[in-house]
């Protein structure tokens, strides 16, 4: 991958990195992988269960998966939503079993995980978030940023995906110390589009993430992107950015040369045993958001949750009294990029 931002820090040491690892490639027989693509969803489900058992039995595995990545990736688009959930659970288990070595499969697996955030079924989205948490706990945000996977996902104009992914970034970005790779700047245009999304949930989450992105990239570099917007949209974005300018500048100047790969506790993927009927539907279709409305947008003093304790009292005073609802531009700004 790319790597601006002064170079990445060493990968976090996980339990899997310290334990002897089993090579499971010999157990991934061609006939087993063929069953993953069987027309009968029950046979596909049984093959997924066998793979789960192989991983669970080995506990810690070598990153030798043979043809499994391609077969599993196909199941992320399964017509049966419960099999999608099972597949997401397997990917979470794989990341924990491989440790930091799972990073070599980031480009193979994570785009499909992110796409699952667009699903209308809340259980699928919850499983995708749990898988992202498991992946993040092993390799942090760095490989996702280097491959511009977050940027590509946010360009998808789906309210479920945007709300879920922005909420996930709101949780993870405060834990980053130092600078993320330079590719992170590519997230700016789709973030601006989210600020004026038709969905109120997306707009709220985008407003909460904006100061966290500004702390990484800085006000002026982001304004260069804003100046490419239509006048009304640029003014709406500038109003929001001005609100956080002082604190973002302080955070940017205090950031280190590279992003520290801090580990987070991954949540356990939800069970896939429920609703075993063959529920069908396209997980990628744009649908009206069914997610629970998020909390109000973050204020400019929110950064403290992630350890941003270096905000001066002067900048806090500067923020006081700046109330008012930001001007909304036309929906869907940034389309066609």
Protein backbone atom coordinates (compact mmCIF):
# COMPACT_ATOMS: atom_id res chain seq x y z
CA UNK A 1 0.00 0.00 0.00
CA UNK A 2 0.92 3.65 0.03
CA UNK A 3 2.32 5.21 3.08
CA UNK A 4 2.66 8.95 3.38
CA UNK A 5 2.25 10.29 6.89
CA UNK A 6 5.80 9.64 8.03
CA UNK A 7 5.66 5.86 8.05
CA UNK A 8 3.53 3.51 10.07
CA UNK A 9 4.35 2.38 13.56
CA UNK A 10 4.99 -1.28 14.30
CA UNK A 11 1.94 -3.53 14.31
CA UNK A 12 0.38 -4.19 17.71
CA UNK A 13 1.37 -7.45 19.32
CA UNK A 14 -1.63 -9.74 19.62
CA UNK A 15 -1.96 -13.11 21.33
CA UNK A 16 -2.06 -14.78 17.92
CA UNK A 17 1.34 -13.26 17.08
CA UNK A 18 2.89 -14.94 20.13
CA UNK A 19 1.40 -18.42 19.79
CA UNK A 20 2.42 -21.35 17.55
CA UNK A 21 0.22 -21.32 14.45
CA UNK A 22 -1.46 -24.15 12.59
CA UNK A 23 -1.44 -24.47 8.80
CA UNK A 24 -5.08 -25.19 7.90
CA UNK A 25 -4.60 -25.04 4.14
CA UNK A 26 -4.56 -28.84 3.94
CA UNK A 27 -8.03 -28.99 5.51
CA UNK A 28 -9.50 -26.58 2.98
CA UNK A 29 -10.27 -29.29 0.44
CA UNK A 30 -11.44 -28.36 -3.08
CA UNK A 31 -14.75 -30.15 -2.50
CA UNK A 32 -15.36 -28.08 0.66
CA UNK A 33 -14.73 -24.83 -1.19
CA UNK A 34 -16.96 -26.01 -4.03
CA UNK A 35 -19.80 -26.57 -1.56
CA UNK A 36 -19.54 -22.88 -0.59
CA UNK A 37 -20.98 -22.07 -4.01
CA UNK A 38 -23.66 -24.77 -4.09
CA UNK A 39 -27.14 -23.78 -5.30
CA UNK A 40 -28.71 -25.18 -2.12
CA UNK A 41 -28.36 -22.64 0.71
CA UNK A 42 -28.37 -25.43 3.28
CA UNK A 43 -25.26 -26.99 1.73
CA UNK A 44 -23.60 -23.57 1.60
CA UNK A 45 -24.46 -23.13 5.28
CA UNK A 46 -23.03 -26.54 6.20
CA UNK A 47 -19.76 -25.76 4.42
CA UNK A 48 -19.49 -22.45 6.26
CA UNK A 49 -20.04 -24.29 9.53
CA UNK A 50 -17.23 -26.74 8.67
CA UNK A 51 -14.88 -23.80 8.05
CA UNK A 52 -15.87 -22.29 11.39
CA UNK A 53 -15.01 -25.58 13.08
CA UNK A 54 -11.61 -25.79 11.36
CA UNK A 55 -10.68 -22.30 12.56
CA UNK A 56 -12.01 -22.90 16.09
CA UNK A 57 -10.11 -26.18 16.38
CA UNK A 58 -6.82 -24.63 15.26
CA UNK A 59 -7.28 -21.46 17.40
CA UNK A 60 -4.22 -19.75 15.90
CA UNK A 61 -3.52 -20.18 12.21
CA UNK A 62 -0.92 -19.34 9.60
CA UNK A 63 -1.97 -16.90 6.86
CA UNK A 64 -2.12 -19.77 4.37
CA UNK A 65 -5.72 -19.86 3.17
CA UNK A 66 -5.36 -21.18 -0.36
CA UNK A 67 -8.50 -20.47 -2.39
CA UNK A 68 -10.63 -19.71 0.68
CA UNK A 69 -10.54 -15.88 0.37
CA UNK A 70 -12.26 -15.87 -3.02
CA UNK A 71 -14.86 -18.40 -1.91
CA UNK A 72 -15.66 -16.50 1.29
CA UNK A 73 -15.80 -13.16 -0.48
CA UNK A 74 -18.54 -14.53 -2.74
CA UNK A 75 -20.62 -15.49 0.29
CA UNK A 76 -20.69 -11.86 1.46
CA UNK A 77 -23.15 -11.37 -1.42
CA UNK A 78 -25.23 -14.45 -0.60
CA UNK A 79 -28.98 -14.29 -1.20
CA UNK A 80 -29.49 -15.70 2.31
CA UNK A 81 -28.82 -12.96 4.84
CA UNK A 82 -28.07 -15.45 7.61
CA UNK A 83 -25.24 -16.90 5.55
CA UNK A 84 -23.84 -13.40 5.10
CA UNK A 85 -23.83 -13.05 8.89
CA UNK A 86 -22.10 -16.42 9.26
CA UNK A 87 -19.48 -15.36 6.70
CA UNK A 88 -18.86 -12.09 8.55
CA UNK A 89 -18.43 -14.06 11.78
CA UNK A 90 -15.86 -16.29 10.05
CA UNK A 91 -13.90 -13.25 8.87
CA UNK A 92 -13.84 -11.91 12.43
CA UNK A 93 -12.58 -15.29 13.66
CA UNK A 94 -9.93 -15.38 10.94
CA UNK A 95 -8.52 -11.99 11.94
CA UNK A 96 -8.24 -13.06 15.58
CA UNK A 97 -6.73 -16.42 14.62
CA UNK A 98 -4.14 -14.91 12.25
CA UNK A 99 -3.26 -11.88 14.36
CA UNK A 100 -1.54 -9.03 12.54
CA UNK A 101 -0.92 -11.35 9.58
CA UNK A 102 -4.57 -10.82 8.60
CA UNK A 103 -3.47 -7.47 7.21
CA UNK A 104 -2.37 -9.16 3.98
CA UNK A 105 -6.04 -10.01 3.32
CA UNK A 106 -7.37 -6.50 3.97
CA UNK A 107 -7.98 -5.74 0.30
CA UNK A 108 -9.59 -9.14 -0.23
CA UNK A 109 -12.07 -9.09 2.64
CA UNK A 110 -12.68 -5.60 4.01
CA UNK A 111 -14.40 -4.06 0.93
CA UNK A 112 -17.11 -6.72 1.19
CA UNK A 113 -17.42 -6.16 4.92
CA UNK A 114 -17.88 -2.43 4.36
CA UNK A 115 -20.45 -3.10 1.61
CA UNK A 116 -22.44 -5.18 4.11
CA UNK A 117 -23.04 -1.99 6.10
CA UNK A 118 -25.54 -0.99 3.40
CA UNK A 119 -27.81 -3.94 4.17
CA UNK A 120 -31.39 -3.23 5.24
CA UNK A 121 -31.19 -6.02 7.85
CA UNK A 122 -29.80 -4.60 11.10
CA UNK A 123 -28.31 -7.98 12.11
CA UNK A 124 -26.12 -7.95 8.99
CA UNK A 125 -24.88 -4.44 9.74
CA UNK A 126 -24.15 -5.36 13.37
CA UNK A 127 -22.13 -8.39 12.23
CA UNK A 128 -20.18 -6.20 9.79
CA UNK A 129 -19.33 -3.69 12.53
CA UNK A 130 -18.19 -6.52 14.82
CA UNK A 131 -15.95 -7.84 12.02
CA UNK A 132 -14.48 -4.37 11.45
CA UNK A 133 -13.77 -4.14 15.18
CA UNK A 134 -11.98 -7.50 15.12
CA UNK A 135 -9.94 -6.47 12.08
CA UNK A 136 -9.11 -3.07 13.59
CA UNK A 137 -7.91 -4.64 16.82
CA UNK A 138 -5.24 -6.52 14.85
CA UNK A 139 -4.11 -4.03 12.21
CA UNK A 140 -5.66 -0.62 13.17
CA UNK A 141 -6.97 1.87 10.58
CA UNK A 142 -3.70 2.12 8.65
CA UNK A 143 -4.19 -0.60 5.99
CA UNK A 144 -7.80 0.52 5.43
CA UNK A 145 -6.58 4.08 4.89
CA UNK A 146 -3.68 3.09 2.64
CA UNK A 147 -6.01 1.12 0.36
CA UNK A 148 -8.57 3.99 0.44
CA UNK A 149 -11.25 1.49 1.44
CA UNK A 150 -13.00 3.96 3.76
CA UNK A 151 -13.04 6.59 1.03
CA UNK A 152 -14.49 4.18 -1.53
CA UNK A 153 -17.18 3.01 0.87
CA UNK A 154 -18.29 6.53 1.82
CA UNK A 155 -18.71 7.37 -1.87
CA UNK A 156 -21.62 4.91 -1.91
CA UNK A 157 -24.75 6.99 -1.47
CA UNK A 158 -26.48 4.57 0.88
CA UNK A 159 -27.76 5.99 4.19
CA UNK A 160 -27.26 2.76 6.14
CA UNK A 161 -23.65 2.36 5.04
CA UNK A 162 -22.77 6.00 5.56
CA UNK A 163 -24.41 6.19 8.99
CA UNK A 164 -22.77 2.99 10.23
CA UNK A 165 -19.30 3.72 8.83
CA UNK A 166 -19.25 7.32 10.04
CA UNK A 167 -20.36 6.13 13.48
CA UNK A 168 -17.52 3.59 13.46
CA UNK A 169 -14.99 6.29 12.50
CA UNK A 170 -16.37 8.54 15.24
CA UNK A 171 -15.45 5.76 17.68
CA UNK A 172 -12.03 4.86 16.23
CA UNK A 173 -10.47 8.16 15.12
CA UNK A 174 -10.06 9.64 18.63
CA UNK A 175 -7.83 6.67 19.54
CA UNK A 176 -5.33 7.49 16.79
CA UNK A 177 -2.16 9.20 17.99
CA UNK A 178 -0.02 10.79 15.34
CA UNK A 179 -0.75 11.03 11.65
CA UNK A 180 -2.59 8.54 9.51
CA UNK A 181 -1.09 7.82 6.05
CA UNK A 182 -1.41 10.61 3.49
CA UNK A 183 -4.11 8.67 1.62
CA UNK A 184 -6.50 9.70 4.41
CA UNK A 185 -6.96 13.06 2.65
CA UNK A 186 -9.03 11.25 0.01
CA UNK A 187 -11.84 10.89 2.56
CA UNK A 188 -12.53 14.65 2.40
CA UNK A 189 -14.79 14.84 -0.72
CA UNK A 190 -17.14 12.01 0.33
CA UNK A 191 -17.25 13.42 3.88
CA UNK A 192 -18.39 16.77 2.46
CA UNK A 193 -21.05 14.90 0.48
CA UNK A 194 -22.21 13.23 3.71
CA UNK A 195 -22.53 16.62 5.39
CA UNK A 196 -25.32 17.42 2.93
CA UNK A 197 -26.79 13.95 2.53
CA UNK A 198 -30.57 13.61 2.26
CA UNK A 199 -30.54 11.49 5.42
CA UNK A 200 -30.55 13.42 8.70
CA UNK A 201 -28.75 10.49 10.38
CA UNK A 202 -25.91 10.68 7.87
CA UNK A 203 -25.60 14.47 8.28
CA UNK A 204 -25.43 14.19 12.08
CA UNK A 205 -22.73 11.53 11.97
CA UNK A 206 -20.76 13.48 9.36
CA UNK A 207 -20.83 16.57 11.58
CA UNK A 208 -19.51 14.48 14.48
CA UNK A 209 -16.67 13.07 12.37
CA UNK A 210 -15.69 16.37 10.71
CA UNK A 211 -13.58 17.76 13.60
CA UNK A 212 -11.83 14.39 13.97
CA UNK A 213 -10.85 14.43 10.30
CA UNK A 214 -9.82 18.09 10.56
CA UNK A 215 -7.53 17.18 13.47
CA UNK A 216 -5.74 14.76 11.13
CA UNK A 217 -5.66 16.80 7.92
CA UNK A 218 -5.83 20.43 9.00
CA UNK A 219 -8.17 23.26 8.04
CA UNK A 220 -6.39 24.66 4.98
CA UNK A 221 -5.90 21.35 3.10
CA UNK A 222 -9.58 20.53 3.59
CA UNK A 223 -10.64 24.00 2.44
CA UNK A 224 -8.87 23.37 -0.87
CA UNK A 225 -11.36 20.55 -1.41
CA UNK A 226 -14.26 22.72 -0.20
CA UNK A 227 -13.47 25.41 -2.77
CA UNK A 228 -14.25 22.87 -5.52
CA UNK A 229 -17.87 22.64 -4.32
CA UNK A 230 -20.78 24.72 -5.58
CA UNK A 231 -20.93 28.13 -3.83
CA UNK A 232 -23.87 27.30 -1.55
CA UNK A 233 -22.35 23.96 -0.58
CA UNK A 234 -18.93 25.49 0.00
CA UNK A 235 -20.40 28.09 2.35
CA UNK A 236 -22.29 25.43 4.32
CA UNK A 237 -19.13 23.32 4.69
CA UNK A 238 -16.99 26.36 5.58
CA UNK A 239 -19.44 27.35 8.33
CA UNK A 240 -19.09 23.92 9.92
CA UNK A 241 -15.31 23.87 9.54
CA UNK A 242 -14.91 27.36 11.00
CA UNK A 243 -16.72 26.15 14.10
CA UNK A 244 -13.93 23.63 14.77
CA UNK A 245 -10.96 25.48 13.28
CA UNK A 246 -9.14 26.46 16.46
CA UNK A 247 -9.27 23.08 18.16
CA UNK A 248 -8.46 21.19 14.95
CA UNK A 249 -5.39 23.37 14.37
CA UNK A 250 -4.17 22.67 17.91
CA UNK A 251 -4.69 18.94 17.46
CA UNK A 252 -2.94 18.94 14.07
CA UNK A 253 0.13 20.75 15.38
CA UNK A 254 0.45 18.39 18.37
CA UNK A 255 0.13 15.17 16.33
CA UNK A 256 3.16 12.93 16.00
CA UNK A 257 4.81 11.81 12.75
CA UNK A 258 2.90 8.54 12.34
CA UNK A 259 -0.24 6.83 13.50
CA UNK A 260 0.27 4.65 16.56
CA UNK A 261 -1.46 1.34 16.10
CA UNK A 262 -3.47 1.22 19.28
CA UNK A 263 -5.52 -1.91 19.90
CA UNK A 264 -9.19 -1.86 20.72
CA UNK A 265 -11.39 -4.49 22.22
CA UNK A 266 -13.30 -6.23 19.48
CA UNK A 267 -16.93 -7.01 20.08
CA UNK A 268 -18.15 -10.57 19.60
CA UNK A 269 -19.97 -11.04 16.30
CA UNK A 270 -23.66 -11.76 16.73
CA UNK A 271 -25.04 -15.26 16.37
CA UNK A 272 -26.18 -16.36 12.95
CA UNK A 273 -28.42 -19.15 14.25
CA UNK A 274 -31.58 -17.11 14.12
CA UNK A 275 -34.05 -16.82 11.24
CA UNK A 276 -32.60 -19.69 9.20
CA UNK A 277 -35.10 -19.25 6.43
CA UNK A 278 -33.64 -18.23 3.08
CA UNK A 279 -34.13 -14.50 3.37
CA UNK A 280 -33.26 -12.90 0.09
CA UNK A 281 -32.43 -9.45 -1.21
CA UNK A 282 -29.58 -7.35 -2.47
CA UNK A 283 -27.31 -6.11 0.28
CA UNK A 284 -26.00 -3.31 -1.91
CA UNK A 285 -29.26 -1.65 -2.82
CA UNK A 286 -29.79 1.90 -1.64
CA UNK A 287 -32.45 1.85 1.02
CA UNK A 288 -33.97 4.27 3.46
CA UNK A 289 -32.08 4.20 6.76
CA UNK A 290 -33.51 1.87 9.41
CA UNK A 291 -30.75 2.48 11.90
CA UNK A 292 -31.56 3.97 15.28
CA UNK A 293 -31.14 7.75 15.06
CA UNK A 294 -27.68 8.68 16.32
CA UNK A 295 -27.05 11.10 19.14
CA UNK A 296 -26.85 14.84 18.39
CA UNK A 297 -23.80 15.94 16.39
CA UNK A 298 -20.60 16.27 18.32
CA UNK A 299 -19.72 19.70 19.56
CA UNK A 300 -16.27 21.14 19.01
CA UNK A 301 -15.20 20.06 22.48
CA UNK A 302 -15.93 16.36 21.88
CA UNK A 303 -12.41 15.35 20.94
CA UNK A 304 -11.53 14.74 24.60
CA UNK A 305 -12.96 11.21 24.41
CA UNK A 306 -10.02 10.06 22.34
CA UNK A 307 -7.39 11.52 24.61
CA UNK A 308 -7.29 14.95 22.97
CA UNK A 309 -6.55 16.78 26.20
CA UNK A 310 -4.38 19.46 24.67
CA UNK A 311 -7.13 21.89 23.77
CA UNK A 312 -6.41 25.23 25.35
CA UNK A 313 -8.91 27.14 27.42
CA UNK A 314 -8.52 29.96 24.92
CA UNK A 315 -9.83 27.78 22.11
CA UNK A 316 -12.72 26.65 24.27
CA UNK A 317 -13.70 30.25 24.90
CA UNK A 318 -13.42 30.96 21.23
CA UNK A 319 -16.01 28.29 20.53
CA UNK A 320 -18.53 29.63 23.06
CA UNK A 321 -21.41 31.56 21.68
CA UNK A 322 -21.05 30.14 18.18
CA UNK A 323 -24.48 28.63 18.03
CA UNK A 324 -26.88 28.37 15.18
CA UNK A 325 -27.84 25.78 12.62
CA UNK A 326 -25.36 25.50 9.72
CA UNK A 327 -26.70 26.36 6.33
CA UNK A 328 -27.69 23.26 4.35
CA UNK A 329 -26.79 23.08 0.68
CA UNK A 330 -28.26 20.80 -1.95
CA UNK A 331 -28.45 17.14 -1.12
CA UNK A 332 -25.91 14.74 -2.50
CA UNK A 333 -23.03 17.19 -3.05
CA UNK A 334 -20.03 15.45 -4.42
CA UNK A 335 -21.86 13.05 -6.73
CA UNK A 336 -20.10 11.83 -9.78
CA UNK A 337 -16.61 12.04 -8.38
